Amino acid sequence: MTGTDNQTPDNRMTGAEIVLRALKDNGVEHLFGYPGGAVLPIYDEIFQQEEIKHILVRHEQGAGHAAEGYARSTGKVGVMLVTSGPGATNAVTPLQDALMDSIPLVCLTGQVPTSLIGSDAFQECDTVGITRPCTKHNWLVKDVNELAAIIHEAFRIAQSGRPGPVVLATPKHTQISTGTDT
């Protein structure tokens, strides 16, 4: 049994489980990332399943460039996972590169809890504002029940028209809250 098979009888899952389910639904087989506190719930789910292979990099910028290379060589969307704050800012260079070269990327970042946004909390930054100029679209996903739909939309946008990068910033409480993947 994998982590994303642990649905309760009413089909409720944690946000982290929803993330993995949505990635699988979008055909993701490889994920490039660097762990950090704001994305540990997602990492917990990654290591409870075998369908998506996680490639550990030594720096968030490396995750982005590796995801770019993967997308270029396979024709699939490259996916990267980084933590909040400096993890997200370290992803800016590969996001800009992907935008300029029309490479489809989905960048999942952590974020501090919604209640701390704007308070200069530890590893907090305005991920949406910082990545706006270097993405096709970006989201701050506060509601766990919107997570699956937004991830599916992110993959659609990354591949449609002129391909390019998208960012989903997900507060840690959204990853551990329970909701549905509809």
Protein backbone atom coordinates (compact mmCIF):
# COMPACT_ATOMS: atom_id res chain seq x y z
CA MET A 1 0.00 0.00 0.00
CA THR A 2 1.35 3.44 -0.89
CA GLY A 3 0.86 6.68 0.96
CA THR A 4 -1.71 7.90 -1.55
CA ASP A 5 -3.77 4.72 -1.13
CA ASN A 6 -4.56 5.63 2.48
CA GLN A 7 -7.81 7.42 1.73
CA THR A 8 -10.42 7.53 4.44
CA PRO A 9 -13.87 6.12 3.60
CA ASP A 10 -15.12 9.57 2.55
CA ASN A 11 -12.19 9.95 0.07
CA ARG A 12 -10.41 12.52 2.20
CA MET A 13 -6.63 12.72 1.96
CA THR A 14 -3.96 15.04 3.25
CA GLY A 15 -2.78 17.81 0.97
CA ALA A 16 0.53 15.99 0.56
CA GLU A 17 -1.30 12.85 -0.57
CA ILE A 18 -3.35 14.95 -2.99
CA VAL A 19 -0.13 16.41 -4.44
CA LEU A 20 1.28 12.94 -5.14
CA ARG A 21 -2.01 11.70 -6.59
CA ALA A 22 -2.22 14.71 -8.92
CA LEU A 23 1.39 14.29 -10.03
CA LYS A 24 0.72 10.63 -10.85
CA ASP A 25 -2.48 11.62 -12.68
CA ASN A 26 -0.35 13.92 -14.84
CA GLY A 27 2.10 11.15 -15.73
CA VAL A 28 4.98 12.32 -13.56
CA GLU A 29 7.65 9.63 -13.25
CA HIS A 30 10.59 11.76 -12.03
CA LEU A 31 10.73 14.63 -9.57
CA PHE A 32 13.80 16.75 -8.85
CA GLY A 33 14.05 18.30 -5.43
CA TYR A 34 15.82 19.48 -2.36
CA PRO A 35 14.06 18.92 1.00
CA GLY A 36 13.23 21.62 3.49
CA GLY A 37 10.91 22.06 6.44
CA ALA A 38 8.05 23.61 4.48
CA VAL A 39 7.74 20.60 2.13
CA LEU A 40 8.45 17.71 4.49
CA PRO A 41 4.84 16.43 4.39
CA ILE A 42 5.20 16.01 0.62
CA TYR A 43 8.56 14.30 1.08
CA ASP A 44 6.98 11.91 3.59
CA GLU A 45 4.50 10.88 0.90
CA ILE A 46 7.16 10.61 -1.81
CA PHE A 47 9.03 8.02 0.18
CA GLN A 48 5.88 5.96 0.85
CA GLN A 49 5.33 5.24 -2.84
CA GLU A 50 7.34 3.89 -5.74
CA GLU A 51 5.68 5.28 -8.88
CA ILE A 52 7.48 8.63 -8.85
CA LYS A 53 11.26 8.56 -8.57
CA HIS A 54 12.73 11.42 -6.55
CA ILE A 55 16.10 12.72 -7.70
CA LEU A 56 17.87 14.48 -4.83
CA VAL A 57 19.95 17.46 -5.91
CA ARG A 58 22.46 19.52 -3.94
CA HIS A 59 20.82 22.90 -4.51
CA GLU A 60 17.38 24.17 -5.55
CA GLN A 61 18.83 25.74 -8.68
CA GLY A 62 20.09 22.28 -9.60
CA ALA A 63 16.56 20.91 -9.20
CA GLY A 64 15.27 23.46 -11.66
CA HIS A 65 17.97 22.92 -14.25
CA ALA A 66 17.66 19.13 -13.90
CA ALA A 67 13.90 19.41 -14.42
CA GLU A 68 14.59 21.57 -17.48
CA GLY A 69 16.98 18.99 -18.90
CA TYR A 70 14.46 16.25 -18.22
CA ALA A 71 11.73 18.20 -20.03
CA ARG A 72 14.02 18.93 -22.98
CA SER A 73 15.13 15.31 -23.36
CA THR A 74 11.78 13.59 -22.78
CA GLY A 75 9.21 16.07 -24.06
CA LYS A 76 7.39 15.77 -20.72
CA VAL A 77 6.80 18.43 -18.10
CA GLY A 78 9.74 18.77 -15.72
CA VAL A 79 8.78 18.87 -12.04
CA MET A 80 10.78 20.36 -9.19
CA LEU A 81 10.10 20.51 -5.45
CA VAL A 82 11.72 23.11 -3.19
CA THR A 83 11.07 24.58 0.23
CA SER A 84 9.87 28.07 1.09
CA GLY A 85 11.90 31.29 1.21
CA PRO A 86 15.46 30.68 0.01
CA GLY A 87 14.40 27.43 -1.64
CA ALA A 88 11.91 29.32 -3.79
CA THR A 89 14.27 32.20 -4.54
CA ASN A 90 17.00 29.76 -5.58
CA ALA A 91 14.56 28.41 -8.18
CA VAL A 92 14.20 31.77 -9.95
CA THR A 93 17.13 31.34 -12.36
CA PRO A 94 15.94 28.02 -13.82
CA LEU A 95 12.37 29.37 -13.94
CA GLN A 96 13.53 32.37 -15.99
CA ASP A 97 15.62 30.09 -18.21
CA ALA A 98 12.60 27.83 -18.79
CA LEU A 99 10.43 30.84 -19.59
CA MET A 100 12.92 32.19 -22.13
CA ASP A 101 13.43 28.77 -23.74
CA SER A 102 9.75 27.68 -23.60
CA ILE A 103 10.38 24.67 -21.36
CA PRO A 104 7.34 23.29 -19.50
CA LEU A 105 8.09 23.13 -15.77
CA VAL A 106 5.96 22.75 -12.67
CA CYS A 107 7.68 24.11 -9.58
CA LEU A 108 6.17 23.09 -6.25
CA THR A 109 7.34 25.23 -3.35
CA GLY A 110 6.51 25.22 0.30
CA GLN A 111 5.31 28.30 2.12
CA VAL A 112 4.89 29.36 5.73
CA PRO A 113 1.40 28.96 7.22
CA THR A 114 -1.09 31.47 5.83
CA SER A 115 -1.37 33.17 9.22
CA LEU A 116 2.35 34.06 9.04
CA ILE A 117 2.45 35.35 5.47
CA GLY A 118 3.57 38.97 5.49
CA SER A 119 5.09 38.78 8.98
CA ASP A 120 8.72 38.16 7.96
CA ALA A 121 8.49 34.65 9.40
CA PHE A 122 11.43 32.24 9.14
CA GLN A 123 11.98 31.31 5.47
CA GLU A 124 9.05 33.41 4.31
CA CYS A 125 9.09 35.37 1.08
CA ASP A 126 6.55 36.58 -1.43
CA THR A 127 6.97 33.59 -3.73
CA VAL A 128 4.07 34.60 -5.96
CA GLY A 129 5.39 38.15 -6.35
CA ILE A 130 8.98 37.09 -6.89
CA THR A 131 8.13 34.46 -9.51
CA ARG A 132 5.46 36.47 -11.37
CA PRO A 133 7.94 37.86 -13.96
CA CYS A 134 9.53 34.46 -14.66
CA THR A 135 6.47 32.18 -14.94
CA LYS A 136 3.43 31.77 -17.12
CA HIS A 137 1.29 31.59 -13.99
CA ASN A 138 1.66 31.04 -10.27
CA TRP A 139 -0.56 30.26 -7.30
CA LEU A 140 -0.57 30.44 -3.53
CA VAL A 141 -2.74 27.42 -2.71
CA LYS A 142 -4.40 28.05 0.66
CA ASP A 143 -7.33 25.62 0.38
CA VAL A 144 -6.53 21.90 0.37
CA ASN A 145 -9.76 21.23 -1.56
CA GLU A 146 -8.48 23.32 -4.49
CA LEU A 147 -5.07 21.66 -4.59
CA ALA A 148 -5.76 18.86 -7.10
CA ALA A 149 -7.60 21.12 -9.55
CA ILE A 150 -4.83 23.73 -9.40
CA ILE A 151 -2.12 21.12 -9.99
CA HIS A 152 -3.99 19.79 -13.03
CA GLU A 153 -4.41 23.38 -14.28
CA ALA A 154 -0.69 24.00 -13.72
CA PHE A 155 0.23 21.08 -15.98
CA ARG A 156 -2.22 22.30 -18.62
CA ILE A 157 -0.81 25.84 -18.57
CA ALA A 158 2.82 24.67 -18.56
CA GLN A 159 2.22 22.71 -21.79
CA SER A 160 -0.30 24.88 -23.63
CA GLY A 161 0.42 27.63 -26.13
CA ARG A 162 4.04 28.62 -25.70
CA PRO A 163 5.24 26.16 -23.01
CA GLY A 164 6.83 27.51 -19.86
CA PRO A 165 7.14 27.31 -16.09
CA VAL A 166 4.43 27.59 -13.45
CA VAL A 167 4.77 27.79 -9.66
CA LEU A 168 2.54 26.46 -6.90
CA ALA A 169 3.37 27.76 -3.43
CA THR A 170 1.70 25.56 -0.83
CA PRO A 171 1.66 26.50 2.86
CA LYS A 172 2.64 23.65 5.15
CA HIS A 173 -0.78 23.58 6.81
CA THR A 174 -2.37 23.01 3.39
CA GLN A 175 -0.14 19.95 2.97
CA ILE A 176 -1.19 18.42 6.29
CA SER A 177 -4.88 19.41 6.19
CA THR A 178 -7.35 16.86 4.88
CA GLY A 179 -9.54 17.41 1.86
CA THR A 180 -10.69 15.77 -1.34
CA ASP A 181 -8.88 15.45 -4.65
CA THR A 182 -11.83 16.37 -6.82
